[in-house]
Amino acid sequence: QLERGSIFPPLTELRNISLDIAEAVALKAYEQNLARYPHPDDLRELI
């Protein structure tokens, strides 16, 4: 994608991109003690 001058991934990947971001945001919430739900065994699967 970079070789074609595109610095963002294809829009067709939005659902998976959002899942990646949601997991990263949720992990950060746990790191910063901002999550009010208990940490699940598999966070990505939960989301």
ModelCIF file with pLDDT and N, C-alpha, C, O atoms, coordinates in Angstrom:
data_MODEL
#
_entry.id   MODEL 
#
_entity.id                         1 
_entity.type                       polymer 
_entity.pdbx_number_of_molecules   1 
#
_entity_poly.entity_id                      1 
_entity_poly.type                           'polypeptide(L)' 
_entity_poly.nstd_linkage                   no 
_entity_poly.nstd_monomer                   no 
_entity_poly.pdbx_seq_one_letter_code       QLERGSIFPPLTELRNISLDIAEAVALKAYEQNLARYPHPDDLRELI 
_entity_poly.pdbx_seq_one_letter_code_can   QLERGSIFPPLTELRNISLDIAEAVALKAYEQNLARYPHPDDLRELI 
_entity_poly.pdbx_strand_id                 A 
#
loop_
_entity_poly_seq.entity_id 
_entity_poly_seq.num 
_entity_poly_seq.mon_id 
_entity_poly_seq.hetero 
1 1  GLN n 
1 2  LEU n 
1 3  GLU n 
1 4  ARG n 
1 5  GLY n 
1 6  SER n 
1 7  ILE n 
1 8  PHE n 
1 9  PRO n 
1 10 PRO n 
1 11 LEU n 
1 12 THR n 
1 13 GLU n 
1 14 LEU n 
1 15 ARG n 
1 16 ASN n 
1 17 ILE n 
1 18 SER n 
1 19 LEU n 
1 20 ASP n 
1 21 ILE n 
1 22 ALA n 
1 23 GLU n 
1 24 ALA n 
1 25 VAL n 
1 26 ALA n 
1 27 LEU n 
1 28 LYS n 
1 29 ALA n 
1 30 TYR n 
1 31 GLU n 
1 32 GLN n 
1 33 ASN n 
1 34 LEU n 
1 35 ALA n 
1 36 ARG n 
1 37 TYR n 
1 38 PRO n 
1 39 HIS n 
1 40 PRO n 
1 41 ASP n 
1 42 ASP n 
1 43 LEU n 
1 44 ARG n 
1 45 GLU n 
1 46 LEU n 
1 47 ILE n 
#
_struct_asym.id          A 
_struct_asym.entity_id   1 
#
loop_
_ma_qa_metric.id 
_ma_qa_metric.mode 
_ma_qa_metric.name 
_ma_qa_metric.software_group_id 
_ma_qa_metric.type 
1 global pLDDT . pLDDT 
2 local  pLDDT . pLDDT 
#
_ma_qa_metric_global.metric_id      1 
_ma_qa_metric_global.metric_value   96.83 
_ma_qa_metric_global.model_id       1 
_ma_qa_metric_global.ordinal_id     1 
#
loop_
_ma_qa_metric_local.label_asym_id 
_ma_qa_metric_local.label_comp_id 
_ma_qa_metric_local.label_seq_id 
_ma_qa_metric_local.metric_id 
_ma_qa_metric_local.metric_value 
_ma_qa_metric_local.model_id 
_ma_qa_metric_local.ordinal_id 
A GLN 1  2 96.00 1 1  
A LEU 2  2 97.00 1 2  
A GLU 3  2 94.00 1 3  
A ARG 4  2 94.00 1 4  
A GLY 5  2 94.00 1 5  
A SER 6  2 97.00 1 6  
A ILE 7  2 97.00 1 7  
A PHE 8  2 97.00 1 8  
A PRO 9  2 97.00 1 9  
A PRO 10 2 95.00 1 10 
A LEU 11 2 94.00 1 11 
A THR 12 2 94.00 1 12 
A GLU 13 2 96.00 1 13 
A LEU 14 2 97.00 1 14 
A ARG 15 2 97.00 1 15 
A ASN 16 2 97.00 1 16 
A ILE 17 2 98.00 1 17 
A SER 18 2 98.00 1 18 
A LEU 19 2 98.00 1 19 
A ASP 20 2 98.00 1 20 
A ILE 21 2 98.00 1 21 
A ALA 22 2 98.00 1 22 
A GLU 23 2 98.00 1 23 
A ALA 24 2 98.00 1 24 
A VAL 25 2 98.00 1 25 
A ALA 26 2 98.00 1 26 
A LEU 27 2 98.00 1 27 
A LYS 28 2 98.00 1 28 
A ALA 29 2 98.00 1 29 
A TYR 30 2 98.00 1 30 
A GLU 31 2 98.00 1 31 
A GLN 32 2 98.00 1 32 
A ASN 33 2 98.00 1 33 
A LEU 34 2 98.00 1 34 
A ALA 35 2 98.00 1 35 
A ARG 36 2 96.00 1 36 
A TYR 37 2 96.00 1 37 
A PRO 38 2 96.00 1 38 
A HIS 39 2 96.00 1 39 
A PRO 40 2 96.00 1 40 
A ASP 41 2 96.00 1 41 
A ASP 42 2 97.00 1 42 
A LEU 43 2 97.00 1 43 
A ARG 44 2 97.00 1 44 
A GLU 45 2 97.00 1 45 
A LEU 46 2 95.00 1 46 
A ILE 47 2 97.00 1 47 
#
loop_
_atom_site.group_PDB 
_atom_site.id 
_atom_site.type_symbol 
_atom_site.label_atom_id 
_atom_site.label_alt_id 
_atom_site.label_comp_id 
_atom_site.label_asym_id 
_atom_site.label_entity_id 
_atom_site.label_seq_id 
_atom_site.pdbx_PDB_ins_code 
_atom_site.Cartn_x 
_atom_site.Cartn_y 
_atom_site.Cartn_z 
_atom_site.occupancy 
_atom_site.B_iso_or_equiv 
_atom_site.pdbx_formal_charge 
_atom_site.auth_seq_id 
_atom_site.auth_comp_id 
_atom_site.auth_asym_id 
_atom_site.auth_atom_id 
_atom_site.pdbx_PDB_model_num 
ATOM 1   N N  . GLN A 1 1  ? 0.838   -1.202  0.000  1.00 96.00 ? 1  GLN A N  1 
ATOM 2   C CA . GLN A 1 1  ? 0.000   0.000   0.000  1.00 96.00 ? 1  GLN A CA 1 
ATOM 3   C C  . GLN A 1 1  ? 0.874   1.255   0.000  1.00 96.00 ? 1  GLN A C  1 
ATOM 4   O O  . GLN A 1 1  ? 0.571   2.231   -0.686 1.00 96.00 ? 1  GLN A O  1 
ATOM 5   N N  . LEU A 1 2  ? 1.942   1.220   0.761  1.00 97.00 ? 2  LEU A N  1 
ATOM 6   C CA . LEU A 1 2  ? 2.865   2.353   0.783  1.00 97.00 ? 2  LEU A CA 1 
ATOM 7   C C  . LEU A 1 2  ? 3.465   2.591   -0.596 1.00 97.00 ? 2  LEU A C  1 
ATOM 8   O O  . LEU A 1 2  ? 3.650   3.735   -1.010 1.00 97.00 ? 2  LEU A O  1 
ATOM 9   N N  . GLU A 1 3  ? 3.764   1.516   -1.299 1.00 94.00 ? 3  GLU A N  1 
ATOM 10  C CA . GLU A 1 3  ? 4.361   1.645   -2.633 1.00 94.00 ? 3  GLU A CA 1 
ATOM 11  C C  . GLU A 1 3  ? 3.418   2.309   -3.630 1.00 94.00 ? 3  GLU A C  1 
ATOM 12  O O  . GLU A 1 3  ? 3.863   2.865   -4.635 1.00 94.00 ? 3  GLU A O  1 
ATOM 13  N N  . ARG A 1 4  ? 2.110   2.251   -3.351 1.00 94.00 ? 4  ARG A N  1 
ATOM 14  C CA . ARG A 1 4  ? 1.128   2.924   -4.206 1.00 94.00 ? 4  ARG A CA 1 
ATOM 15  C C  . ARG A 1 4  ? 0.765   4.316   -3.674 1.00 94.00 ? 4  ARG A C  1 
ATOM 16  O O  . ARG A 1 4  ? -0.147  4.968   -4.181 1.00 94.00 ? 4  ARG A O  1 
ATOM 17  N N  . GLY A 1 5  ? 1.491   4.752   -2.651 1.00 94.00 ? 5  GLY A N  1 
ATOM 18  C CA . GLY A 1 5  ? 1.267   6.077   -2.109 1.00 94.00 ? 5  GLY A CA 1 
ATOM 19  C C  . GLY A 1 5  ? 0.136   6.164   -1.116 1.00 94.00 ? 5  GLY A C  1 
ATOM 20  O O  . GLY A 1 5  ? -0.301  7.260   -0.765 1.00 94.00 ? 5  GLY A O  1 
ATOM 21  N N  . SER A 1 6  ? -0.345  5.027   -0.657 1.00 97.00 ? 6  SER A N  1 
ATOM 22  C CA . SER A 1 6  ? -1.466  5.017   0.284  1.00 97.00 ? 6  SER A CA 1 
ATOM 23  C C  . SER A 1 6  ? -0.947  4.756   1.694  1.00 97.00 ? 6  SER A C  1 
ATOM 24  O O  . SER A 1 6  ? -0.346  3.715   1.963  1.00 97.00 ? 6  SER A O  1 
ATOM 25  N N  . ILE A 1 7  ? -1.185  5.709   2.588  1.00 97.00 ? 7  ILE A N  1 
ATOM 26  C CA . ILE A 1 7  ? -0.653  5.586   3.946  1.00 97.00 ? 7  ILE A CA 1 
ATOM 27  C C  . ILE A 1 7  ? -1.727  5.196   4.960  1.00 97.00 ? 7  ILE A C  1 
ATOM 28  O O  . ILE A 1 7  ? -1.498  5.233   6.169  1.00 97.00 ? 7  ILE A O  1 
ATOM 29  N N  . PHE A 1 8  ? -2.898  4.822   4.453  1.00 97.00 ? 8  PHE A N  1 
ATOM 30  C CA . PHE A 1 8  ? -3.933  4.243   5.302  1.00 97.00 ? 8  PHE A CA 1 
ATOM 31  C C  . PHE A 1 8  ? -4.385  2.935   4.674  1.00 97.00 ? 8  PHE A C  1 
ATOM 32  O O  . PHE A 1 8  ? -4.339  2.792   3.453  1.00 97.00 ? 8  PHE A O  1 
ATOM 33  N N  . PRO A 1 9  ? -4.822  1.977   5.485  1.00 97.00 ? 9  PRO A N  1 
ATOM 34  C CA . PRO A 1 9  ? -5.240  0.685   4.939  1.00 97.00 ? 9  PRO A CA 1 
ATOM 35  C C  . PRO A 1 9  ? -6.547  0.797   4.168  1.00 97.00 ? 9  PRO A C  1 
ATOM 36  O O  . PRO A 1 9  ? -7.235  1.811   4.281  1.00 97.00 ? 9  PRO A O  1 
ATOM 37  N N  . PRO A 1 10 ? -6.907  -0.218  3.387  1.00 95.00 ? 10 PRO A N  1 
ATOM 38  C CA . PRO A 1 10 ? -8.151  -0.163  2.609  1.00 95.00 ? 10 PRO A CA 1 
ATOM 39  C C  . PRO A 1 10 ? -9.377  -0.029  3.504  1.00 95.00 ? 10 PRO A C  1 
ATOM 40  O O  . PRO A 1 10 ? -9.438  -0.623  4.581  1.00 95.00 ? 10 PRO A O  1 
ATOM 41  N N  . LEU A 1 11 ? -10.343 0.746   3.055  1.00 94.00 ? 11 LEU A N  1 
ATOM 42  C CA . LEU A 1 11 ? -11.578 0.912   3.814  1.00 94.00 ? 11 LEU A CA 1 
ATOM 43  C C  . LEU A 1 11 ? -12.330 -0.402  3.964  1.00 94.00 ? 11 LEU A C  1 
ATOM 44  O O  . LEU A 1 11 ? -13.125 -0.563  4.891  1.00 94.00 ? 11 LEU A O  1 
ATOM 45  N N  . THR A 1 12 ? -12.084 -1.334  3.065  1.00 94.00 ? 12 THR A N  1 
ATOM 46  C CA . THR A 1 12 ? -12.744 -2.638  3.159  1.00 94.00 ? 12 THR A CA 1 
ATOM 47  C C  . THR A 1 12 ? -12.330 -3.400  4.413  1.00 94.00 ? 12 THR A C  1 
ATOM 48  O O  . THR A 1 12 ? -12.982 -4.375  4.785  1.00 94.00 ? 12 THR A O  1 
ATOM 49  N N  . GLU A 1 13 ? -11.258 -2.968  5.066  1.00 96.00 ? 13 GLU A N  1 
ATOM 50  C CA . GLU A 1 13 ? -10.784 -3.637  6.279  1.00 96.00 ? 13 GLU A CA 1 
ATOM 51  C C  . GLU A 1 13 ? -11.298 -2.976  7.558  1.00 96.00 ? 13 GLU A C  1 
ATOM 52  O O  . GLU A 1 13 ? -10.815 -3.279  8.649  1.00 96.00 ? 13 GLU A O  1 
ATOM 53  N N  . LEU A 1 14 ? -12.279 -2.071  7.427  1.00 97.00 ? 14 LEU A N  1 
ATOM 54  C CA . LEU A 1 14 ? -12.670 -1.253  8.566  1.00 97.00 ? 14 LEU A CA 1 
ATOM 55  C C  . LEU A 1 14 ? -13.100 -2.058  9.788  1.00 97.00 ? 14 LEU A C  1 
ATOM 56  O O  . LEU A 1 14 ? -12.744 -1.700  10.910 1.00 97.00 ? 14 LEU A O  1 
ATOM 57  N N  . ARG A 1 15 ? -13.851 -3.125  9.597  1.00 97.00 ? 15 ARG A N  1 
ATOM 58  C CA . ARG A 1 15 ? -14.317 -3.899  10.760 1.00 97.00 ? 15 ARG A CA 1 
ATOM 59  C C  . ARG A 1 15 ? -13.129 -4.476  11.528 1.00 97.00 ? 15 ARG A C  1 
ATOM 60  O O  . ARG A 1 15 ? -13.103 -4.424  12.757 1.00 97.00 ? 15 ARG A O  1 
ATOM 61  N N  . ASN A 1 16 ? -12.154 -5.020  10.817 1.00 97.00 ? 16 ASN A N  1 
ATOM 62  C CA . ASN A 1 16 ? -10.982 -5.580  11.493 1.00 97.00 ? 16 ASN A CA 1 
ATOM 63  C C  . ASN A 1 16 ? -10.102 -4.485  12.084 1.00 97.00 ? 16 ASN A C  1 
ATOM 64  O O  . ASN A 1 16 ? -9.507  -4.668  13.146 1.00 97.00 ? 16 ASN A O  1 
ATOM 65  N N  . ILE A 1 17 ? -10.017 -3.343  11.395 1.00 98.00 ? 17 ILE A N  1 
ATOM 66  C CA . ILE A 1 17 ? -9.270  -2.213  11.943 1.00 98.00 ? 17 ILE A CA 1 
ATOM 67  C C  . ILE A 1 17 ? -9.901  -1.762  13.249 1.00 98.00 ? 17 ILE A C  1 
ATOM 68  O O  . ILE A 1 17 ? -9.200  -1.543  14.237 1.00 98.00 ? 17 ILE A O  1 
ATOM 69  N N  . SER A 1 18 ? -11.218 -1.621  13.260 1.00 98.00 ? 18 SER A N  1 
ATOM 70  C CA . SER A 1 18 ? -11.917 -1.200  14.471 1.00 98.00 ? 18 SER A CA 1 
ATOM 71  C C  . SER A 1 18 ? -11.721 -2.203  15.597 1.00 98.00 ? 18 SER A C  1 
ATOM 72  O O  . SER A 1 18 ? -11.592 -1.817  16.759 1.00 98.00 ? 18 SER A O  1 
ATOM 73  N N  . LEU A 1 19 ? -11.699 -3.488  15.261 1.00 98.00 ? 19 LEU A N  1 
ATOM 74  C CA . LEU A 1 19 ? -11.456 -4.508  16.282 1.00 98.00 ? 19 LEU A CA 1 
ATOM 75  C C  . LEU A 1 19 ? -10.057 -4.369  16.867 1.00 98.00 ? 19 LEU A C  1 
ATOM 76  O O  . LEU A 1 19 ? -9.884  -4.463  18.082 1.00 98.00 ? 19 LEU A O  1 
ATOM 77  N N  . ASP A 1 20 ? -9.048  -4.142  16.009 1.00 98.00 ? 20 ASP A N  1 
ATOM 78  C CA . ASP A 1 20 ? -7.680  -3.917  16.494 1.00 98.00 ? 20 ASP A CA 1 
ATOM 79  C C  . ASP A 1 20 ? -7.614  -2.704  17.420 1.00 98.00 ? 20 ASP A C  1 
ATOM 80  O O  . ASP A 1 20 ? -7.002  -2.751  18.487 1.00 98.00 ? 20 ASP A O  1 
ATOM 81  N N  . ILE A 1 21 ? -8.258  -1.620  16.991 1.00 98.00 ? 21 ILE A N  1 
ATOM 82  C CA . ILE A 1 21 ? -8.232  -0.391  17.781 1.00 98.00 ? 21 ILE A CA 1 
ATOM 83  C C  . ILE A 1 21 ? -8.975  -0.587  19.091 1.00 98.00 ? 21 ILE A C  1 
ATOM 84  O O  . ILE A 1 21 ? -8.511  -0.145  20.142 1.00 98.00 ? 21 ILE A O  1 
ATOM 85  N N  . ALA A 1 22 ? -10.123 -1.244  19.036 1.00 98.00 ? 22 ALA A N  1 
ATOM 86  C CA . ALA A 1 22 ? -10.894 -1.486  20.258 1.00 98.00 ? 22 ALA A CA 1 
ATOM 87  C C  . ALA A 1 22 ? -10.081 -2.282  21.267 1.00 98.00 ? 22 ALA A C  1 
ATOM 88  O O  . ALA A 1 22 ? -10.102 -1.989  22.462 1.00 98.00 ? 22 ALA A O  1 
ATOM 89  N N  . GLU A 1 23 ? -9.371  -3.282  20.787 1.00 98.00 ? 23 GLU A N  1 
ATOM 90  C CA . GLU A 1 23 ? -8.540  -4.090  21.689 1.00 98.00 ? 23 GLU A CA 1 
ATOM 91  C C  . GLU A 1 23 ? -7.424  -3.235  22.295 1.00 98.00 ? 23 GLU A C  1 
ATOM 92  O O  . GLU A 1 23 ? -7.147  -3.331  23.491 1.00 98.00 ? 23 GLU A O  1 
ATOM 93  N N  . ALA A 1 24 ? -6.783  -2.399  21.468 1.00 98.00 ? 24 ALA A N  1 
ATOM 94  C CA . ALA A 1 24 ? -5.697  -1.538  21.966 1.00 98.00 ? 24 ALA A CA 1 
ATOM 95  C C  . ALA A 1 24 ? -6.224  -0.529  22.988 1.00 98.00 ? 24 ALA A C  1 
ATOM 96  O O  . ALA A 1 24 ? -5.575  -0.279  24.004 1.00 98.00 ? 24 ALA A O  1 
ATOM 97  N N  . VAL A 1 25 ? -7.398  0.051   22.722 1.00 98.00 ? 25 VAL A N  1 
ATOM 98  C CA . VAL A 1 25 ? -8.001  1.015   23.643 1.00 98.00 ? 25 VAL A CA 1 
ATOM 99  C C  . VAL A 1 25 ? -8.399  0.340   24.944 1.00 98.00 ? 25 VAL A C  1 
ATOM 100 O O  . VAL A 1 25 ? -8.170  0.883   26.025 1.00 98.00 ? 25 VAL A O  1 
ATOM 101 N N  . ALA A 1 26 ? -8.994  -0.840  24.843 1.00 98.00 ? 26 ALA A N  1 
ATOM 102 C CA . ALA A 1 26 ? -9.415  -1.557  26.045 1.00 98.00 ? 26 ALA A CA 1 
ATOM 103 C C  . ALA A 1 26 ? -8.206  -1.950  26.903 1.00 98.00 ? 26 ALA A C  1 
ATOM 104 O O  . ALA A 1 26 ? -8.246  -1.832  28.128 1.00 98.00 ? 26 ALA A O  1 
ATOM 105 N N  . LEU A 1 27 ? -7.137  -2.416  26.255 1.00 98.00 ? 27 LEU A N  1 
ATOM 106 C CA . LEU A 1 27 ? -5.919  -2.753  27.002 1.00 98.00 ? 27 LEU A CA 1 
ATOM 107 C C  . LEU A 1 27 ? -5.367  -1.536  27.735 1.00 98.00 ? 27 LEU A C  1 
ATOM 108 O O  . LEU A 1 27 ? -4.935  -1.633  28.884 1.00 98.00 ? 27 LEU A O  1 
ATOM 109 N N  . LYS A 1 28 ? -5.386  -0.398  27.063 1.00 98.00 ? 28 LYS A N  1 
ATOM 110 C CA . LYS A 1 28 ? -4.905  0.828   27.694 1.00 98.00 ? 28 LYS A CA 1 
ATOM 111 C C  . LYS A 1 28 ? -5.803  1.208   28.875 1.00 98.00 ? 28 LYS A C  1 
ATOM 112 O O  . LYS A 1 28 ? -5.320  1.709   29.890 1.00 98.00 ? 28 LYS A O  1 
ATOM 113 N N  . ALA A 1 29 ? -7.111  0.970   28.738 1.00 98.00 ? 29 ALA A N  1 
ATOM 114 C CA . ALA A 1 29 ? -8.030  1.244   29.841 1.00 98.00 ? 29 ALA A CA 1 
ATOM 115 C C  . ALA A 1 29 ? -7.676  0.400   31.061 1.00 98.00 ? 29 ALA A C  1 
ATOM 116 O O  . ALA A 1 29 ? -7.709  0.891   32.190 1.00 98.00 ? 29 ALA A O  1 
ATOM 117 N N  . TYR A 1 30 ? -7.342  -0.851  30.840 1.00 98.00 ? 30 TYR A N  1 
ATOM 118 C CA . TYR A 1 30 ? -6.940  -1.700  31.964 1.00 98.00 ? 30 TYR A CA 1 
ATOM 119 C C  . TYR A 1 30 ? -5.605  -1.224  32.546 1.00 98.00 ? 30 TYR A C  1 
ATOM 120 O O  . TYR A 1 30 ? -5.441  -1.182  33.766 1.00 98.00 ? 30 TYR A O  1 
ATOM 121 N N  . GLU A 1 31 ? -4.657  -0.866  31.683 1.00 98.00 ? 31 GLU A N  1 
ATOM 122 C CA . GLU A 1 31 ? -3.356  -0.377  32.159 1.00 98.00 ? 31 GLU A CA 1 
ATOM 123 C C  . GLU A 1 31 ? -3.502  0.855   33.046 1.00 98.00 ? 31 GLU A C  1 
ATOM 124 O O  . GLU A 1 31 ? -2.770  1.019   34.022 1.00 98.00 ? 31 GLU A O  1 
ATOM 125 N N  . GLN A 1 32 ? -4.459  1.722   32.697 1.00 98.00 ? 32 GLN A N  1 
ATOM 126 C CA . GLN A 1 32 ? -4.628  2.990   33.406 1.00 98.00 ? 32 GLN A CA 1 
ATOM 127 C C  . GLN A 1 32 ? -5.725  2.936   34.476 1.00 98.00 ? 32 GLN A C  1 
ATOM 128 O O  . GLN A 1 32 ? -6.134  3.963   35.017 1.00 98.00 ? 32 GLN A O  1 
ATOM 129 N N  . ASN A 1 33 ? -6.189  1.723   34.766 1.00 98.00 ? 33 ASN A N  1 
ATOM 130 C CA . ASN A 1 33 ? -7.240  1.524   35.787 1.00 98.00 ? 33 ASN A CA 1 
ATOM 131 C C  . ASN A 1 33 ? -8.504  2.329   35.477 1.00 98.00 ? 33 ASN A C  1 
ATOM 132 O O  . ASN A 1 33 ? -9.139  2.884   36.373 1.00 98.00 ? 33 ASN A O  1 
ATOM 133 N N  . LEU A 1 34 ? -8.851  2.381   34.204 1.00 98.00 ? 34 LEU A N  1 
ATOM 134 C CA . LEU A 1 34 ? -10.044 3.106   33.772 1.00 98.00 ? 34 LEU A CA 1 
ATOM 135 C C  . LEU A 1 34 ? -11.167 2.166   33.352 1.00 98.00 ? 34 LEU A C  1 
ATOM 136 O O  . LEU A 1 34 ? -12.259 2.630   33.026 1.00 98.00 ? 34 LEU A O  1 
ATOM 137 N N  . ALA A 1 35 ? -10.926 0.856   33.351 1.00 98.00 ? 35 ALA A N  1 
ATOM 138 C CA . ALA A 1 35 ? -11.948 -0.119  32.969 1.00 98.00 ? 35 ALA A CA 1 
ATOM 139 C C  . ALA A 1 35 ? -12.726 -0.552  34.210 1.00 98.00 ? 35 ALA A C  1 
ATOM 140 O O  . ALA A 1 35 ? -12.145 -0.856  35.252 1.00 98.00 ? 35 ALA A O  1 
ATOM 141 N N  . ARG A 1 36 ? -14.049 -0.573  34.074 1.00 96.00 ? 36 ARG A N  1 
ATOM 142 C CA . ARG A 1 36 ? -14.887 -0.946  35.219 1.00 96.00 ? 36 ARG A CA 1 
ATOM 143 C C  . ARG A 1 36 ? -15.334 -2.402  35.173 1.00 96.00 ? 36 ARG A C  1 
ATOM 144 O O  . ARG A 1 36 ? -15.895 -2.901  36.148 1.00 96.00 ? 36 ARG A O  1 
ATOM 145 N N  . TYR A 1 37 ? -15.095 -3.098  34.051 1.00 96.00 ? 37 TYR A N  1 
ATOM 146 C CA . TYR A 1 37 ? -15.399 -4.521  33.970 1.00 96.00 ? 37 TYR A CA 1 
ATOM 147 C C  . TYR A 1 37 ? -14.132 -5.317  34.295 1.00 96.00 ? 37 TYR A C  1 
ATOM 148 O O  . TYR A 1 37 ? -13.030 -4.850  34.006 1.00 96.00 ? 37 TYR A O  1 
ATOM 149 N N  . PRO A 1 38 ? -14.264 -6.511  34.891 1.00 96.00 ? 38 PRO A N  1 
ATOM 150 C CA . PRO A 1 38 ? -13.089 -7.361  35.138 1.00 96.00 ? 38 PRO A CA 1 
ATOM 151 C C  . PRO A 1 38 ? -12.406 -7.734  33.824 1.00 96.00 ? 38 PRO A C  1 
ATOM 152 O O  . PRO A 1 38 ? -13.057 -7.876  32.789 1.00 96.00 ? 38 PRO A O  1 
ATOM 153 N N  . HIS A 1 39 ? -11.086 -7.891  33.884 1.00 96.00 ? 39 HIS A N  1 
ATOM 154 C CA . HIS A 1 39 ? -10.325 -8.249  32.689 1.00 96.00 ? 39 HIS A CA 1 
ATOM 155 C C  . HIS A 1 39 ? -10.698 -9.663  32.267 1.00 96.00 ? 39 HIS A C  1 
ATOM 156 O O  . HIS A 1 39 ? -10.547 -10.594 33.057 1.00 96.00 ? 39 HIS A O  1 
ATOM 157 N N  . PRO A 1 40 ? -11.187 -9.849  31.028 1.00 96.00 ? 40 PRO A N  1 
ATOM 158 C CA . PRO A 1 40 ? -11.567 -11.200 30.590 1.00 96.00 ? 40 PRO A CA 1 
ATOM 159 C C  . PRO A 1 40 ? -10.347 -12.024 30.231 1.00 96.00 ? 40 PRO A C  1 
ATOM 160 O O  . PRO A 1 40 ? -9.251  -11.487 30.065 1.00 96.00 ? 40 PRO A O  1 
ATOM 161 N N  . ASP A 1 41 ? -10.538 -13.335 30.111 1.00 96.00 ? 41 ASP A N  1 
ATOM 162 C CA . ASP A 1 41 ? -9.443  -14.216 29.706 1.00 96.00 ? 41 ASP A CA 1 
ATOM 163 C C  . ASP A 1 41 ? -8.989  -13.906 28.282 1.00 96.00 ? 41 ASP A C  1 
ATOM 164 O O  . ASP A 1 41 ? -7.794  -13.930 27.988 1.00 96.00 ? 41 ASP A O  1 
ATOM 165 N N  . ASP A 1 42 ? -9.933  -13.618 27.412 1.00 97.00 ? 42 ASP A N  1 
ATOM 166 C CA . ASP A 1 42 ? -9.617  -13.310 26.014 1.00 97.00 ? 42 ASP A CA 1 
ATOM 167 C C  . ASP A 1 42 ? -10.336 -12.013 25.644 1.00 97.00 ? 42 ASP A C  1 
ATOM 168 O O  . ASP A 1 42 ? -11.515 -12.026 25.291 1.00 97.00 ? 42 ASP A O  1 
ATOM 169 N N  . LEU A 1 43 ? -9.619  -10.905 25.728 1.00 97.00 ? 43 LEU A N  1 
ATOM 170 C CA . LEU A 1 43 ? -10.224 -9.595  25.507 1.00 97.00 ? 43 LEU A CA 1 
ATOM 171 C C  . LEU A 1 43 ? -10.722 -9.452  24.075 1.00 97.00 ? 43 LEU A C  1 
ATOM 172 O O  . LEU A 1 43 ? -11.828 -8.961  23.849 1.00 97.00 ? 43 LEU A O  1 
ATOM 173 N N  . ARG A 1 44 ? -9.928  -9.870  23.122 1.00 97.00 ? 44 ARG A N  1 
ATOM 174 C CA . ARG A 1 44 ? -10.331 -9.726  21.715 1.00 97.00 ? 44 ARG A CA 1 
ATOM 175 C C  . ARG A 1 44 ? -11.600 -10.520 21.425 1.00 97.00 ? 44 ARG A C  1 
ATOM 176 O O  . ARG A 1 44 ? -12.499 -10.051 20.728 1.00 97.00 ? 44 ARG A O  1 
ATOM 177 N N  . GLU A 1 45 ? -11.653 -11.718 21.966 1.00 97.00 ? 45 GLU A N  1 
ATOM 178 C CA . GLU A 1 45 ? -12.840 -12.551 21.757 1.00 97.00 ? 45 GLU A CA 1 
ATOM 179 C C  . GLU A 1 45 ? -14.079 -11.904 22.376 1.00 97.00 ? 45 GLU A C  1 
ATOM 180 O O  . GLU A 1 45 ? -15.165 -11.952 21.799 1.00 97.00 ? 45 GLU A O  1 
ATOM 181 N N  . LEU A 1 46 ? -13.910 -11.299 23.554 1.00 95.00 ? 46 LEU A N  1 
ATOM 182 C CA . LEU A 1 46 ? -15.025 -10.606 24.200 1.00 95.00 ? 46 LEU A CA 1 
ATOM 183 C C  . LEU A 1 46 ? -15.544 -9.480  23.310 1.00 95.00 ? 46 LEU A C  1 
ATOM 184 O O  . LEU A 1 46 ? -16.748 -9.366  23.084 1.00 95.00 ? 46 LEU A O  1 
ATOM 185 N N  . ILE A 1 47 ? -14.627 -8.648  22.805 1.00 97.00 ? 47 ILE A N  1 
ATOM 186 C CA . ILE A 1 47 ? -15.036 -7.513  21.976 1.00 97.00 ? 47 ILE A CA 1 
ATOM 187 C C  . ILE A 1 47 ? -15.691 -7.990  20.688 1.00 97.00 ? 47 ILE A C  1 
ATOM 188 O O  . ILE A 1 47 ? -16.100 -7.172  19.864 1.00 97.00 ? 47 ILE A O  1 
#
